Amino acid sequence: MISRIDHVSLAVRDTEYDRAVHFFRDILGAVPGVGFDDEGMRFFWRIYSLGDLSRIELMKPTGEGSFLDNFLGDRNGGVHHITLETPDIEKAREILDGNGIPYFGFHDLGAIWKELFIHPKDAFGVLIQIAQFNPDDWVDDSVKLPPGRKFEVTKNDTGCILTVAHPGGGTARLKLSRDEMTMLAGELTDG
């Protein structure tokens, strides 16, 4: 039912947002990805990639009456929810229904995004978002391979770096020594 954890979402007050961006982007090296200003729910979010396969989302309220107001009522920020990727949101709904797990906020935006939420009281204290989407649609081009490419090899003095497209979006990198390159080539040609 679940492919992986896609991201952890942090909500911060509008007055803390620039400091949060500075911390994650400038100090920890997070790469900004897609963001969106949701005028209806009065909040802004942006995805940030960390390393090869980890992502966080930073959210902030953008006006009075934001859906984040209650969450941020007595704090400057914190983990708001965890997003889990599923290849089939309808199958996820069937499994939840079959196990008596309530959910809310089902949205179907076609191929771009389908989601539902499990309330913290039903998920051991954390808001869970389960979503079906194409992970590469949400990360910056700098952290993924060009369309149609599944791997890239960068040779260096000691061997190479093998970069592969990850099904969770973005890439994963593996350093290979010359001996490991020879072993890999041998295993690929044997068969």
C-alpha atoms as a PDB file:
ATOM      1  CA  MET A   1       0.000   0.000   0.000  1.00  0.00           C
ATOM      2  CA  ILE A   2       2.809   2.479   0.872  1.00  0.00           C
ATOM      3  CA  SER A   3       5.850   2.947  -1.365  1.00  0.00           C
ATOM      4  CA  ARG A   4       7.830   5.185   0.984  1.00  0.00           C
ATOM      5  CA  ILE A   5       7.853   8.274   3.143  1.00  0.00           C
ATOM      6  CA  ASP A   6       7.886  11.136   0.661  1.00  0.00           C
ATOM      7  CA  HIS A   7       8.435  14.035   3.049  1.00  0.00           C
ATOM      8  CA  VAL A   8       8.011  15.415   6.533  1.00  0.00           C
ATOM      9  CA  SER A   9       6.137  18.706   6.614  1.00  0.00           C
ATOM     10  CA  LEU A  10       7.115  21.463   9.031  1.00  0.00           C
ATOM     11  CA  ALA A  11       4.778  24.366   9.711  1.00  0.00           C
ATOM     12  CA  VAL A  12       6.260  27.635  10.967  1.00  0.00           C
ATOM     13  CA  ARG A  13       4.862  31.067  11.697  1.00  0.00           C
ATOM     14  CA  ASP A  14       5.129  33.574   8.860  1.00  0.00           C
ATOM     15  CA  THR A  15       7.609  35.554  10.983  1.00  0.00           C
ATOM     16  CA  GLU A  16       9.865  32.474  11.270  1.00  0.00           C
ATOM     17  CA  TYR A  17       9.675  31.300   7.650  1.00  0.00           C
ATOM     18  CA  ASP A  18      12.737  33.139   6.320  1.00  0.00           C
ATOM     19  CA  ARG A  19      14.813  31.853   9.247  1.00  0.00           C
ATOM     20  CA  ALA A  20      13.579  28.303   8.554  1.00  0.00           C
ATOM     21  CA  VAL A  21      14.461  28.604   4.849  1.00  0.00           C
ATOM     22  CA  HIS A  22      17.906  29.952   5.753  1.00  0.00           C
ATOM     23  CA  PHE A  23      18.464  27.082   8.182  1.00  0.00           C
ATOM     24  CA  PHE A  24      17.441  24.278   5.816  1.00  0.00           C
ATOM     25  CA  ARG A  25      18.664  25.776   2.511  1.00  0.00           C
ATOM     26  CA  ASP A  26      21.769  27.788   3.422  1.00  0.00           C
ATOM     27  CA  ILE A  27      23.059  25.880   6.442  1.00  0.00           C
ATOM     28  CA  LEU A  28      21.935  22.282   5.784  1.00  0.00           C
ATOM     29  CA  GLY A  29      22.091  22.489   1.960  1.00  0.00           C
ATOM     30  CA  ALA A  30      18.451  21.741   1.088  1.00  0.00           C
ATOM     31  CA  VAL A  31      17.584  22.335  -2.584  1.00  0.00           C
ATOM     32  CA  PRO A  32      14.305  24.229  -3.127  1.00  0.00           C
ATOM     33  CA  GLY A  33      11.732  22.445  -5.274  1.00  0.00           C
ATOM     34  CA  VAL A  34       8.137  23.161  -6.181  1.00  0.00           C
ATOM     35  CA  GLY A  35       6.103  25.534  -4.028  1.00  0.00           C
ATOM     36  CA  PHE A  36       2.546  26.831  -4.064  1.00  0.00           C
ATOM     37  CA  ASP A  37       0.546  29.637  -2.483  1.00  0.00           C
ATOM     38  CA  ASP A  38      -2.881  28.212  -1.593  1.00  0.00           C
ATOM     39  CA  GLU A  39      -5.072  31.291  -1.349  1.00  0.00           C
ATOM     40  CA  GLY A  40      -8.146  29.303  -0.316  1.00  0.00           C
ATOM     41  CA  MET A  41      -6.519  27.728   2.744  1.00  0.00           C
ATOM     42  CA  ARG A  42      -4.230  30.745   3.260  1.00  0.00           C
ATOM     43  CA  PHE A  43      -0.862  29.050   3.371  1.00  0.00           C
ATOM     44  CA  PHE A  44       2.295  28.657   1.315  1.00  0.00           C
ATOM     45  CA  TRP A  45       4.386  25.486   0.996  1.00  0.00           C
ATOM     46  CA  ARG A  46       7.649  24.535  -0.690  1.00  0.00           C
ATOM     47  CA  ILE A  47       9.392  21.164  -0.975  1.00  0.00           C
ATOM     48  CA  TYR A  48      13.134  20.982  -0.217  1.00  0.00           C
ATOM     49  CA  SER A  49      15.403  18.062  -1.159  1.00  0.00           C
ATOM     50  CA  LEU A  50      18.141  16.989   1.262  1.00  0.00           C
ATOM     51  CA  GLY A  51      20.852  14.696  -0.062  1.00  0.00           C
ATOM     52  CA  ASP A  52      19.844  11.982  -2.491  1.00  0.00           C
ATOM     53  CA  LEU A  53      16.403  10.901  -1.350  1.00  0.00           C
ATOM     54  CA  SER A  54      15.150  12.920   1.614  1.00  0.00           C
ATOM     55  CA  ARG A  55      12.683  15.787   1.465  1.00  0.00           C
ATOM     56  CA  ILE A  56      11.025  18.210   3.828  1.00  0.00           C
ATOM     57  CA  GLU A  57       8.214  20.637   3.191  1.00  0.00           C
ATOM     58  CA  LEU A  58       8.124  24.070   4.810  1.00  0.00           C
ATOM     59  CA  MET A  59       4.675  25.626   5.272  1.00  0.00           C
ATOM     60  CA  LYS A  60       3.617  29.011   6.599  1.00  0.00           C
ATOM     61  CA  PRO A  61       0.292  30.795   6.998  1.00  0.00           C
ATOM     62  CA  THR A  62      -0.261  33.655   4.542  1.00  0.00           C
ATOM     63  CA  GLY A  63      -3.214  35.389   6.130  1.00  0.00           C
ATOM     64  CA  GLU A  64      -5.693  35.435   8.963  1.00  0.00           C
ATOM     65  CA  GLY A  65      -7.861  32.337   8.992  1.00  0.00           C
ATOM     66  CA  SER A  66      -5.156  29.989   7.685  1.00  0.00           C
ATOM     67  CA  PHE A  67      -5.762  26.328   8.347  1.00  0.00           C
ATOM     68  CA  LEU A  68      -2.385  26.421  10.173  1.00  0.00           C
ATOM     69  CA  ASP A  69      -3.610  28.920  12.799  1.00  0.00           C
ATOM     70  CA  ASN A  70      -4.788  26.270  15.266  1.00  0.00           C
ATOM     71  CA  PHE A  71      -1.624  24.184  14.843  1.00  0.00           C
ATOM     72  CA  LEU A  72       0.643  27.198  15.389  1.00  0.00           C
ATOM     73  CA  GLY A  73      -1.532  28.648  18.155  1.00  0.00           C
ATOM     74  CA  ASP A  74       0.930  28.029  20.997  1.00  0.00           C
ATOM     75  CA  ARG A  75       4.178  27.339  19.138  1.00  0.00           C
ATOM     76  CA  ASN A  76       6.481  28.890  16.536  1.00  0.00           C
ATOM     77  CA  GLY A  77       6.605  25.712  14.467  1.00  0.00           C
ATOM     78  CA  GLY A  78       6.843  21.954  14.405  1.00  0.00           C
ATOM     79  CA  VAL A  79       6.182  18.766  12.470  1.00  0.00           C
ATOM     80  CA  HIS A  80       2.725  19.170  10.965  1.00  0.00           C
ATOM     81  CA  HIS A  81       2.351  15.912   9.032  1.00  0.00           C
ATOM     82  CA  ILE A  82       4.152  13.032   7.327  1.00  0.00           C
ATOM     83  CA  THR A  83       3.367  12.321   3.670  1.00  0.00           C
ATOM     84  CA  LEU A  84       3.421   8.698   2.544  1.00  0.00           C
ATOM     85  CA  GLU A  85       3.448   7.845  -1.161  1.00  0.00           C
ATOM     86  CA  THR A  86       1.145   5.160  -2.518  1.00  0.00           C
ATOM     87  CA  PRO A  87       1.019   3.814  -6.081  1.00  0.00           C
ATOM     88  CA  ASP A  88      -2.783   3.380  -5.798  1.00  0.00           C
ATOM     89  CA  ILE A  89      -4.894   5.713  -3.647  1.00  0.00           C
ATOM     90  CA  GLU A  90      -8.043   3.652  -4.269  1.00  0.00           C
ATOM     91  CA  LYS A  91      -6.333   0.513  -2.956  1.00  0.00           C
ATOM     92  CA  ALA A  92      -5.164   2.526   0.063  1.00  0.00           C
ATOM     93  CA  ARG A  93      -8.768   3.621   0.684  1.00  0.00           C
ATOM     94  CA  GLU A  94      -9.954   0.006   0.458  1.00  0.00           C
ATOM     95  CA  ILE A  95      -7.348  -1.116   2.990  1.00  0.00           C
ATOM     96  CA  LEU A  96      -8.203   1.701   5.389  1.00  0.00           C
ATOM     97  CA  ASP A  97     -11.947   1.050   5.026  1.00  0.00           C
ATOM     98  CA  GLY A  98     -11.434  -2.702   5.470  1.00  0.00           C
ATOM     99  CA  ASN A  99      -9.560  -2.084   8.709  1.00  0.00           C
ATOM    100  CA  GLY A 100     -11.935   0.535  10.094  1.00  0.00           C
ATOM    101  CA  ILE A 101      -9.368   3.352   9.884  1.00  0.00           C
ATOM    102  CA  PRO A 102     -11.181   6.656   9.297  1.00  0.00           C
ATOM    103  CA  TYR A 103      -9.766   9.224   6.904  1.00  0.00           C
ATOM    104  CA  PHE A 104     -10.788  12.640   5.651  1.00  0.00           C
ATOM    105  CA  GLY A 105      -9.906  15.268   3.049  1.00  0.00           C
ATOM    106  CA  PHE A 106      -9.903  12.978   0.006  1.00  0.00           C
ATOM    107  CA  HIS A 107      -8.975  15.013  -3.086  1.00  0.00           C
ATOM    108  CA  ASP A 108      -8.517  13.718  -6.619  1.00  0.00           C
ATOM    109  CA  LEU A 109      -6.724  16.200  -8.878  1.00  0.00           C
ATOM    110  CA  GLY A 110      -6.236  13.675 -11.657  1.00  0.00           C
ATOM    111  CA  ALA A 111      -2.765  12.482 -12.631  1.00  0.00           C
ATOM    112  CA  ILE A 112      -1.022  15.295 -10.743  1.00  0.00           C
ATOM    113  CA  TRP A 113      -2.187  14.496  -7.175  1.00  0.00           C
ATOM    114  CA  LYS A 114      -4.591  12.342  -5.169  1.00  0.00           C
ATOM    115  CA  GLU A 115      -4.604  12.505  -1.356  1.00  0.00           C
ATOM    116  CA  LEU A 116      -6.305  11.653   1.898  1.00  0.00           C
ATOM    117  CA  PHE A 117      -5.497  12.256   5.558  1.00  0.00           C
ATOM    118  CA  ILE A 118      -5.595  10.170   8.726  1.00  0.00           C
ATOM    119  CA  HIS A 119      -6.209  12.208  11.876  1.00  0.00           C
ATOM    120  CA  PRO A 120      -3.532  12.114  14.602  1.00  0.00           C
ATOM    121  CA  LYS A 121      -6.002  10.485  17.029  1.00  0.00           C
ATOM    122  CA  ASP A 122      -6.150   7.502  14.645  1.00  0.00           C
ATOM    123  CA  ALA A 123      -2.414   7.464  13.796  1.00  0.00           C
ATOM    124  CA  PHE A 124      -0.631   7.527  17.157  1.00  0.00           C
ATOM    125  CA  GLY A 125      -0.323  11.298  17.425  1.00  0.00           C
ATOM    126  CA  VAL A 126       0.763  12.289  13.924  1.00  0.00           C
ATOM    127  CA  LEU A 127      -1.251  13.597  10.974  1.00  0.00           C
ATOM    128  CA  ILE A 128      -0.674  11.217   8.052  1.00  0.00           C
ATOM    129  CA  GLN A 129      -1.167  12.275   4.451  1.00  0.00           C
ATOM    130  CA  ILE A 130      -1.312   9.430   1.920  1.00  0.00           C
ATOM    131  CA  ALA A 131      -0.858  10.609  -1.658  1.00  0.00           C
ATOM    132  CA  GLN A 132      -0.553   9.232  -5.185  1.00  0.00           C
ATOM    133  CA  PHE A 133       1.602  11.339  -7.531  1.00  0.00           C
ATOM    134  CA  ASN A 134       4.676  11.389  -9.773  1.00  0.00           C
ATOM    135  CA  PRO A 135       7.524  12.216  -7.350  1.00  0.00           C
ATOM    136  CA  ASP A 136       9.738  13.860  -9.997  1.00  0.00           C
ATOM    137  CA  ASP A 137       7.023  16.494 -10.555  1.00  0.00           C
ATOM    138  CA  TRP A 138       7.758  17.980  -7.132  1.00  0.00           C
ATOM    139  CA  VAL A 139      11.561  18.248  -7.061  1.00  0.00           C
ATOM    140  CA  ASP A 140      13.930  20.708  -8.713  1.00  0.00           C
ATOM    141  CA  ASP A 141      15.560  19.702 -12.013  1.00  0.00           C
ATOM    142  CA  SER A 142      18.980  19.934 -10.324  1.00  0.00           C
ATOM    143  CA  VAL A 143      18.234  16.846  -8.188  1.00  0.00           C
ATOM    144  CA  LYS A 144      16.905  14.581 -10.955  1.00  0.00           C
ATOM    145  CA  LEU A 145      18.104  13.151 -14.247  1.00  0.00           C
ATOM    146  CA  PRO A 146      16.827  14.530 -17.552  1.00  0.00           C
ATOM    147  CA  PRO A 147      13.585  12.967 -18.867  1.00  0.00           C
ATOM    148  CA  GLY A 148      14.155   9.517 -20.326  1.00  0.00           C
ATOM    149  CA  ARG A 149      17.461   8.967 -18.493  1.00  0.00           C
ATOM    150  CA  LYS A 150      17.647   6.241 -15.851  1.00  0.00           C
ATOM    151  CA  PHE A 151      21.330   6.493 -15.029  1.00  0.00           C
ATOM    152  CA  GLU A 152      24.464   8.560 -15.524  1.00  0.00           C
ATOM    153  CA  VAL A 153      28.128   7.612 -15.068  1.00  0.00           C
ATOM    154  CA  THR A 154      30.732  10.207 -14.114  1.00  0.00           C
ATOM    155  CA  LYS A 155      34.289   8.880 -14.282  1.00  0.00           C
ATOM    156  CA  ASN A 156      36.947  10.152 -11.882  1.00  0.00           C
ATOM    157  CA  ASP A 157      40.559   9.273 -10.947  1.00  0.00           C
ATOM    158  CA  THR A 158      39.554   6.471  -8.551  1.00  0.00           C
ATOM    159  CA  GLY A 159      36.590   4.975 -10.429  1.00  0.00           C
ATOM    160  CA  CYS A 160      33.212   6.555 -11.053  1.00  0.00           C
ATOM    161  CA  ILE A 161      30.008   7.868  -9.580  1.00  0.00           C
ATOM    162  CA  LEU A 162      26.926   5.980 -10.736  1.00  0.00           C
ATOM    163  CA  THR A 163      23.816   8.153 -10.490  1.00  0.00           C
ATOM    164  CA  VAL A 164      20.482   6.390 -10.901  1.00  0.00           C
ATOM    165  CA  ALA A 165      16.944   7.737 -11.146  1.00  0.00           C
ATOM    166  CA  HIS A 166      15.055   6.785  -8.006  1.00  0.00           C
ATOM    167  CA  PRO A 167      11.393   5.733  -8.246  1.00  0.00           C
ATOM    168  CA  GLY A 168      10.715   8.054  -5.302  1.00  0.00           C
ATOM    169  CA  GLY A 169      11.877  11.061  -7.316  1.00  0.00           C
ATOM    170  CA  GLY A 170      15.314  12.529  -7.652  1.00  0.00           C
ATOM    171  CA  THR A 171      18.430  10.398  -7.801  1.00  0.00           C
ATOM    172  CA  ALA A 172      20.709   8.178  -5.749  1.00  0.00           C
ATOM    173  CA  ARG A 173      24.489   8.237  -6.141  1.00  0.00           C
ATOM    174  CA  LEU A 174      26.929   5.416  -5.599  1.00  0.00           C
ATOM    175  CA  LYS A 175      30.719   5.778  -5.667  1.00  0.00           C
ATOM    176  CA  LEU A 176      32.433   2.815  -7.320  1.00  0.00           C
ATOM    177  CA  SER A 177      36.147   2.026  -7.272  1.00  0.00           C
ATOM    178  CA  ARG A 178      37.835   0.753 -10.448  1.00  0.00           C
ATOM    179  CA  ASP A 179      37.611  -2.814  -9.080  1.00  0.00           C
ATOM    180  CA  GLU A 180      33.897  -2.377  -8.371  1.00  0.00           C
ATOM    181  CA  MET A 181      33.383  -0.963 -11.870  1.00  0.00           C
ATOM    182  CA  THR A 182      35.095  -4.035 -13.358  1.00  0.00           C
ATOM    183  CA  MET A 183      32.996  -6.355 -11.196  1.00  0.00           C
ATOM    184  CA  LEU A 184      29.790  -4.567 -12.226  1.00  0.00           C
ATOM    185  CA  ALA A 185      30.711  -4.681 -15.908  1.00  0.00           C
ATOM    186  CA  GLY A 186      31.457  -8.407 -15.563  1.00  0.00           C
ATOM    187  CA  GLU A 187      28.142  -9.120 -13.878  1.00  0.00           C
ATOM    188  CA  LEU A 188      26.271  -7.119 -16.525  1.00  0.00           C
ATOM    189  CA  THR A 189      27.900  -9.024 -19.398  1.00  0.00           C
ATOM    190  CA  ASP A 190      27.614 -12.484 -17.798  1.00  0.00           C
ATOM    191  CA  GLY A 191      24.289 -14.049 -18.300  1.00  0.00           C
END
